[in-house]
């Protein structure tokens, strides 16, 4: 932390945890679909401008897109209330 702001972001989780599995599924969906990559890049760029000084707001704002991608996965139909902080 520097001036009450995070200077780095590190995620730790155990392999096999639901959150870990969601990260892998999201990654794989992006690898499979160039359109999703482009859409996510556009969203991230816009949100980075909007939330320049608010990392938590930026992370929360990405959640809608991440949840949409995960909800389209047959593995995680249902509740997606975990923090959507996938790269």
Protein backbone atom coordinates (compact mmCIF):
# COMPACT_ATOMS: atom_id res chain seq x y z
CA UNK A 1 0.00 0.00 0.00
CA UNK A 2 1.16 3.49 -0.78
CA UNK A 3 -0.95 6.52 0.10
CA UNK A 4 -3.82 4.16 1.00
CA UNK A 5 -3.78 2.66 -2.53
CA UNK A 6 -2.74 -0.80 -3.60
CA UNK A 7 0.49 -0.84 -5.59
CA UNK A 8 0.27 -4.51 -6.51
CA UNK A 9 -2.41 -7.14 -6.89
CA UNK A 10 -1.72 -10.74 -5.99
CA UNK A 11 -4.27 -13.53 -5.87
CA UNK A 12 -3.61 -16.70 -3.93
CA UNK A 13 -5.91 -19.69 -3.98
CA UNK A 14 -5.70 -23.43 -3.72
CA UNK A 15 -5.77 -25.51 -6.85
CA UNK A 16 -9.17 -27.13 -7.14
CA UNK A 17 -11.08 -24.38 -5.32
CA UNK A 18 -14.18 -23.18 -7.14
CA UNK A 19 -12.62 -19.74 -7.56
CA UNK A 20 -9.51 -21.31 -9.14
CA UNK A 21 -11.69 -23.34 -11.49
CA UNK A 22 -13.60 -20.21 -12.51
CA UNK A 23 -10.34 -18.45 -13.35
CA UNK A 24 -9.28 -21.35 -15.55
CA UNK A 25 -12.63 -21.56 -17.30
CA UNK A 26 -12.60 -17.81 -17.96
CA UNK A 27 -9.05 -18.04 -19.33
CA UNK A 28 -9.98 -20.96 -21.56
CA UNK A 29 -13.08 -19.20 -22.89
CA UNK A 30 -10.94 -16.22 -23.88
CA UNK A 31 -8.43 -18.53 -25.57
CA UNK A 32 -11.24 -20.15 -27.55
CA UNK A 33 -12.98 -17.00 -28.72
CA UNK A 34 -11.15 -14.04 -30.25
CA UNK A 35 -14.35 -11.96 -30.11
CA UNK A 36 -14.46 -12.34 -26.32
CA UNK A 37 -10.82 -11.24 -26.10
CA UNK A 38 -11.55 -8.11 -28.12
CA UNK A 39 -14.70 -7.35 -26.14
CA UNK A 40 -12.88 -7.83 -22.82
CA UNK A 41 -9.96 -5.66 -23.94
CA UNK A 42 -12.36 -2.88 -24.92
CA UNK A 43 -14.19 -3.11 -21.60
CA UNK A 44 -10.94 -3.11 -19.62
CA UNK A 45 -9.63 -0.08 -21.52
CA UNK A 46 -12.81 1.91 -20.91
CA UNK A 47 -12.95 0.92 -17.26
CA UNK A 48 -9.27 1.77 -16.75
CA UNK A 49 -10.07 5.29 -17.93
CA UNK A 50 -13.18 5.53 -15.77
CA UNK A 51 -11.62 4.08 -12.62
CA UNK A 52 -8.08 5.46 -12.86
CA UNK A 53 -7.80 5.90 -9.12
CA UNK A 54 -10.18 3.19 -7.98
CA UNK A 55 -8.80 -0.34 -8.36
CA UNK A 56 -11.69 -1.87 -6.43
CA UNK A 57 -14.25 -0.07 -8.62
CA UNK A 58 -12.43 -1.25 -11.74
CA UNK A 59 -12.45 -4.83 -10.50
CA UNK A 60 -16.14 -4.72 -9.57
CA UNK A 61 -17.07 -3.18 -12.93
CA UNK A 62 -15.39 -6.05 -14.83
CA UNK A 63 -17.45 -8.56 -12.88
CA UNK A 64 -20.55 -8.30 -15.11
CA UNK A 65 -18.61 -9.36 -18.21
CA UNK A 66 -16.75 -12.13 -16.36
CA UNK A 67 -20.00 -13.46 -14.90
CA UNK A 68 -21.61 -13.44 -18.35
CA UNK A 69 -18.76 -15.52 -19.80
CA UNK A 70 -18.87 -17.95 -16.88
CA UNK A 71 -22.66 -18.27 -17.04
CA UNK A 72 -22.31 -19.44 -20.65
CA UNK A 73 -20.05 -22.24 -19.45
CA UNK A 74 -21.80 -25.53 -18.78
CA UNK A 75 -19.51 -26.05 -15.77
CA UNK A 76 -20.67 -23.02 -13.77
CA UNK A 77 -24.34 -22.43 -14.43
CA UNK A 78 -25.77 -20.70 -11.40
CA UNK A 79 -24.31 -18.46 -8.71
CA UNK A 80 -21.35 -16.29 -9.73
CA UNK A 81 -21.06 -14.07 -6.69
CA UNK A 82 -17.30 -14.52 -6.27
CA UNK A 83 -15.13 -11.49 -6.81
CA UNK A 84 -14.70 -11.14 -10.59
CA UNK A 85 -11.05 -10.19 -10.48
CA UNK A 86 -9.74 -12.11 -13.40
CA UNK A 87 -7.14 -10.46 -15.48
